[in-house]
N, C-alpha and C. Protein backbone atom coordinates (compact mmCIF):
# COMPACT_ATOMS: atom_id res chain seq x y z
N UNK A 1 0.85 -1.18 0.00
CA UNK A 1 0.00 0.00 0.00
C UNK A 1 0.89 1.24 0.00
N UNK A 2 0.61 2.15 -0.91
CA UNK A 2 1.39 3.38 -0.99
C UNK A 2 1.00 4.35 0.11
N UNK A 3 2.03 4.96 0.71
CA UNK A 3 1.81 5.95 1.77
C UNK A 3 1.81 7.35 1.17
N UNK A 4 0.82 8.15 1.57
CA UNK A 4 0.66 9.51 1.06
C UNK A 4 0.66 10.49 2.23
N UNK A 5 1.41 11.57 2.08
CA UNK A 5 1.41 12.67 3.04
C UNK A 5 0.80 13.88 2.35
N UNK A 6 -0.03 14.62 3.07
CA UNK A 6 -0.70 15.79 2.52
C UNK A 6 -0.17 17.05 3.19
N UNK A 7 0.25 18.01 2.38
CA UNK A 7 0.66 19.33 2.88
C UNK A 7 -0.42 20.30 2.41
N UNK A 8 -1.28 20.70 3.31
CA UNK A 8 -2.43 21.55 2.99
C UNK A 8 -2.82 22.31 4.25
N UNK A 9 -2.93 23.64 4.14
CA UNK A 9 -3.24 24.45 5.31
C UNK A 9 -4.73 24.63 5.56
N UNK A 10 -5.58 24.16 4.66
CA UNK A 10 -7.03 24.22 4.86
C UNK A 10 -7.50 22.87 5.37
N UNK A 11 -7.88 22.77 6.66
CA UNK A 11 -8.24 21.47 7.24
C UNK A 11 -9.36 20.73 6.51
N UNK A 12 -10.38 21.42 6.04
CA UNK A 12 -11.46 20.74 5.33
C UNK A 12 -10.99 20.11 4.02
N UNK A 13 -10.13 20.80 3.31
CA UNK A 13 -9.59 20.24 2.07
C UNK A 13 -8.73 19.02 2.40
N UNK A 14 -7.90 19.13 3.42
CA UNK A 14 -7.04 18.01 3.82
C UNK A 14 -7.87 16.80 4.23
N UNK A 15 -8.94 17.02 4.98
CA UNK A 15 -9.80 15.90 5.39
C UNK A 15 -10.51 15.27 4.21
N UNK A 16 -10.99 16.08 3.26
CA UNK A 16 -11.63 15.53 2.07
C UNK A 16 -10.64 14.70 1.24
N UNK A 17 -9.43 15.22 1.07
CA UNK A 17 -8.41 14.47 0.34
C UNK A 17 -8.10 13.15 1.04
N UNK A 18 -8.02 13.19 2.35
CA UNK A 18 -7.74 11.98 3.13
C UNK A 18 -8.82 10.93 2.88
N UNK A 19 -10.07 11.32 2.97
CA UNK A 19 -11.18 10.38 2.75
C UNK A 19 -11.14 9.78 1.36
N UNK A 20 -10.92 10.62 0.36
CA UNK A 20 -10.87 10.15 -1.03
C UNK A 20 -9.73 9.15 -1.23
N UNK A 21 -8.55 9.50 -0.74
CA UNK A 21 -7.38 8.64 -0.91
C UNK A 21 -7.54 7.31 -0.18
N UNK A 22 -8.07 7.35 1.04
CA UNK A 22 -8.26 6.12 1.80
C UNK A 22 -9.28 5.20 1.12
N UNK A 23 -10.33 5.78 0.54
CA UNK A 23 -11.31 4.98 -0.20
C UNK A 23 -10.68 4.30 -1.41
N UNK A 24 -9.65 4.92 -1.96
CA UNK A 24 -8.96 4.38 -3.12
C UNK A 24 -7.84 3.40 -2.73
N UNK A 25 -7.66 3.17 -1.44
CA UNK A 25 -6.69 2.19 -0.98
C UNK A 25 -5.33 2.71 -0.58
N UNK A 26 -5.17 4.02 -0.53
CA UNK A 26 -3.90 4.60 -0.08
C UNK A 26 -3.88 4.71 1.44
N UNK A 27 -2.69 4.66 2.01
CA UNK A 27 -2.51 4.92 3.43
C UNK A 27 -2.09 6.38 3.58
N UNK A 28 -2.93 7.19 4.20
CA UNK A 28 -2.59 8.60 4.42
C UNK A 28 -1.89 8.70 5.76
N UNK A 29 -0.63 9.13 5.73
CA UNK A 29 0.17 9.20 6.95
C UNK A 29 -0.19 10.41 7.81
N UNK A 30 -0.89 11.37 7.21
CA UNK A 30 -1.32 12.56 7.95
C UNK A 30 -1.30 13.77 7.05
N UNK A 31 -1.78 14.87 7.61
CA UNK A 31 -1.74 16.13 6.87
C UNK A 31 -1.21 17.22 7.77
N UNK A 32 -0.44 18.11 7.15
CA UNK A 32 0.20 19.21 7.87
C UNK A 32 0.05 20.48 7.04
N UNK A 33 0.30 21.62 7.67
CA UNK A 33 0.12 22.89 6.96
C UNK A 33 1.31 23.81 7.00
N UNK A 34 2.46 23.31 7.51
CA UNK A 34 3.63 24.19 7.57
C UNK A 34 4.93 23.39 7.47
N UNK A 35 6.01 24.12 7.30
CA UNK A 35 7.34 23.55 7.09
C UNK A 35 7.77 22.62 8.22
N UNK A 36 7.70 23.08 9.44
CA UNK A 36 8.17 22.30 10.58
C UNK A 36 7.41 20.99 10.73
N UNK A 37 6.07 21.06 10.68
CA UNK A 37 5.26 19.85 10.82
C UNK A 37 5.47 18.90 9.65
N UNK A 38 5.72 19.44 8.45
CA UNK A 38 5.97 18.60 7.28
C UNK A 38 7.24 17.77 7.48
N UNK A 39 8.27 18.39 8.01
CA UNK A 39 9.52 17.66 8.25
C UNK A 39 9.32 16.56 9.27
N UNK A 40 8.62 16.86 10.32
CA UNK A 40 8.38 15.86 11.37
C UNK A 40 7.61 14.67 10.82
N UNK A 41 6.50 14.94 10.14
CA UNK A 41 5.68 13.87 9.59
C UNK A 41 6.44 13.07 8.53
N UNK A 42 7.17 13.76 7.66
CA UNK A 42 7.93 13.10 6.61
C UNK A 42 8.98 12.16 7.21
N UNK A 43 9.73 12.63 8.17
CA UNK A 43 10.78 11.81 8.78
C UNK A 43 10.21 10.64 9.56
N UNK A 44 9.02 10.78 10.09
CA UNK A 44 8.39 9.71 10.86
C UNK A 44 7.86 8.60 9.95
N UNK A 45 7.27 8.97 8.81
CA UNK A 45 6.56 7.98 7.99
C UNK A 45 7.17 7.69 6.62
N UNK A 46 8.08 8.51 6.13
CA UNK A 46 8.71 8.33 4.82
C UNK A 46 7.67 7.95 3.74
N UNK A 47 6.83 8.90 3.36
CA UNK A 47 5.78 8.60 2.39
C UNK A 47 6.34 8.35 0.98
N UNK A 48 5.54 7.64 0.18
CA UNK A 48 5.89 7.38 -1.21
C UNK A 48 5.46 8.55 -2.09
N UNK A 49 4.37 9.22 -1.68
CA UNK A 49 3.79 10.32 -2.45
C UNK A 49 3.49 11.48 -1.50
N UNK A 50 3.75 12.69 -1.95
CA UNK A 50 3.38 13.89 -1.20
C UNK A 50 2.43 14.71 -2.08
N UNK A 51 1.25 14.99 -1.55
CA UNK A 51 0.31 15.93 -2.18
C UNK A 51 0.52 17.25 -1.48
N UNK A 52 0.83 18.30 -2.21
CA UNK A 52 1.14 19.57 -1.57
C UNK A 52 0.43 20.75 -2.23
N UNK A 53 -0.20 21.55 -1.41
CA UNK A 53 -0.68 22.85 -1.87
C UNK A 53 0.56 23.69 -2.13
N UNK A 54 0.47 24.61 -3.06
CA UNK A 54 1.63 25.45 -3.36
C UNK A 54 1.68 26.67 -2.43
N UNK A 55 0.56 27.32 -2.22
CA UNK A 55 0.51 28.50 -1.35
C UNK A 55 -0.06 28.10 0.00
N UNK A 56 0.75 28.24 1.04
CA UNK A 56 0.32 27.91 2.39
C UNK A 56 0.21 29.18 3.22
N UNK A 57 -0.35 29.06 4.40
CA UNK A 57 -0.51 30.24 5.24
C UNK A 57 0.85 30.78 5.66
N UNK A 58 0.87 32.01 6.10
CA UNK A 58 2.09 32.71 6.52
C UNK A 58 3.12 32.77 5.39
N UNK A 59 2.65 32.84 4.16
CA UNK A 59 3.51 32.95 2.97
C UNK A 59 4.51 31.80 2.83
N UNK A 60 4.21 30.64 3.42
CA UNK A 60 5.06 29.49 3.20
C UNK A 60 4.75 28.89 1.83
N UNK A 61 5.72 28.26 1.23
CA UNK A 61 5.59 27.68 -0.10
C UNK A 61 5.69 26.16 -0.03
N UNK A 62 4.67 25.49 -0.56
CA UNK A 62 4.71 24.04 -0.64
C UNK A 62 5.86 23.57 -1.52
N UNK A 63 6.19 24.35 -2.53
CA UNK A 63 7.30 24.00 -3.41
C UNK A 63 8.62 23.99 -2.64
N UNK A 64 8.83 25.00 -1.81
CA UNK A 64 10.07 25.06 -1.03
C UNK A 64 10.13 23.92 -0.01
N UNK A 65 8.99 23.57 0.57
CA UNK A 65 8.95 22.44 1.51
C UNK A 65 9.34 21.16 0.77
N UNK A 66 8.75 20.94 -0.41
CA UNK A 66 9.05 19.74 -1.20
C UNK A 66 10.53 19.71 -1.58
N UNK A 67 11.09 20.83 -2.01
CA UNK A 67 12.52 20.87 -2.36
C UNK A 67 13.37 20.43 -1.17
N UNK A 68 13.03 20.91 0.00
CA UNK A 68 13.78 20.57 1.20
C UNK A 68 13.62 19.09 1.54
N UNK A 69 12.41 18.56 1.44
CA UNK A 69 12.16 17.15 1.74
C UNK A 69 12.87 16.23 0.74
N UNK A 70 12.98 16.65 -0.51
CA UNK A 70 13.65 15.83 -1.52
C UNK A 70 15.15 15.70 -1.25
N UNK A 71 15.71 16.56 -0.42
CA UNK A 71 17.11 16.42 -0.02
C UNK A 71 17.26 15.28 0.97
N UNK A 72 16.17 14.90 1.63
CA UNK A 72 16.19 13.82 2.61
C UNK A 72 15.98 12.47 1.92
N UNK A 73 14.98 12.42 1.02
CA UNK A 73 14.62 11.17 0.37
C UNK A 73 13.83 11.48 -0.90
N UNK A 74 13.83 10.54 -1.85
CA UNK A 74 13.08 10.76 -3.08
C UNK A 74 11.65 10.24 -2.92
N UNK A 75 10.72 10.90 -3.57
CA UNK A 75 9.31 10.55 -3.53
C UNK A 75 8.62 11.22 -4.71
N UNK A 76 7.41 10.77 -5.01
CA UNK A 76 6.60 11.42 -6.04
C UNK A 76 5.85 12.58 -5.41
N UNK A 77 5.62 13.61 -6.20
CA UNK A 77 4.91 14.78 -5.68
C UNK A 77 3.81 15.17 -6.65
N UNK A 78 2.68 15.56 -6.07
CA UNK A 78 1.56 16.11 -6.82
C UNK A 78 1.22 17.43 -6.17
N UNK A 79 1.22 18.49 -6.96
CA UNK A 79 0.87 19.81 -6.43
C UNK A 79 -0.60 20.11 -6.67
N UNK A 80 -1.20 20.76 -5.69
CA UNK A 80 -2.58 21.21 -5.76
C UNK A 80 -2.58 22.72 -5.62
N UNK A 81 -3.22 23.41 -6.55
CA UNK A 81 -3.24 24.87 -6.44
C UNK A 81 -4.30 25.46 -7.35
N UNK A 82 -4.69 26.66 -7.02
CA UNK A 82 -5.58 27.41 -7.91
C UNK A 82 -4.79 28.45 -8.69
N UNK A 83 -3.47 28.49 -8.47
CA UNK A 83 -2.60 29.43 -9.17
C UNK A 83 -2.02 28.75 -10.40
N UNK A 84 -2.00 29.43 -11.52
CA UNK A 84 -1.52 28.80 -12.73
C UNK A 84 -0.59 29.65 -13.57
N UNK A 85 0.05 30.65 -12.97
CA UNK A 85 0.93 31.49 -13.77
C UNK A 85 2.20 30.72 -14.16
N UNK A 86 2.83 31.15 -15.24
CA UNK A 86 3.98 30.45 -15.79
C UNK A 86 5.14 30.33 -14.80
N UNK A 87 5.39 31.35 -14.04
CA UNK A 87 6.50 31.32 -13.08
C UNK A 87 6.27 30.25 -12.02
N UNK A 88 5.03 30.15 -11.55
CA UNK A 88 4.70 29.14 -10.52
C UNK A 88 4.84 27.74 -11.10
N UNK A 89 4.41 27.55 -12.34
CA UNK A 89 4.51 26.24 -12.98
C UNK A 89 5.98 25.85 -13.17
N UNK A 90 6.80 26.77 -13.60
CA UNK A 90 8.24 26.50 -13.77
C UNK A 90 8.88 26.13 -12.44
N UNK A 91 8.51 26.82 -11.39
CA UNK A 91 9.07 26.54 -10.07
C UNK A 91 8.66 25.15 -9.60
N UNK A 92 7.41 24.79 -9.83
CA UNK A 92 6.91 23.46 -9.44
C UNK A 92 7.61 22.37 -10.26
N UNK A 93 7.77 22.61 -11.56
CA UNK A 93 8.42 21.62 -12.42
C UNK A 93 9.88 21.37 -12.02
N UNK A 94 10.50 22.34 -11.40
CA UNK A 94 11.90 22.18 -10.99
C UNK A 94 12.08 21.13 -9.91
N UNK A 95 10.98 20.70 -9.29
CA UNK A 95 11.08 19.65 -8.24
C UNK A 95 10.77 18.26 -8.80
N UNK A 96 10.58 18.17 -10.13
CA UNK A 96 10.29 16.89 -10.78
C UNK A 96 8.99 16.31 -10.29
């Protein structure tokens, strides 16, 4: 079973994603909304997939969190966002 970690600062969105993923057979290791909690959860569970919002509260960036986590271990990433400008897309693509 693939383990999924969610980085999302809106609790309702995170809970909905959790329910959907669990119904599809994924193990959701948890959801977090900031850099510090993401590191703790990632190091504890070593997920196979990270779903990350790009814009988080307090001007934190999901992209920067993912870049930092990829220095620890490799994993697949899926970004969730309502922002679609070219600069944001290029920045997201830089994390593979």
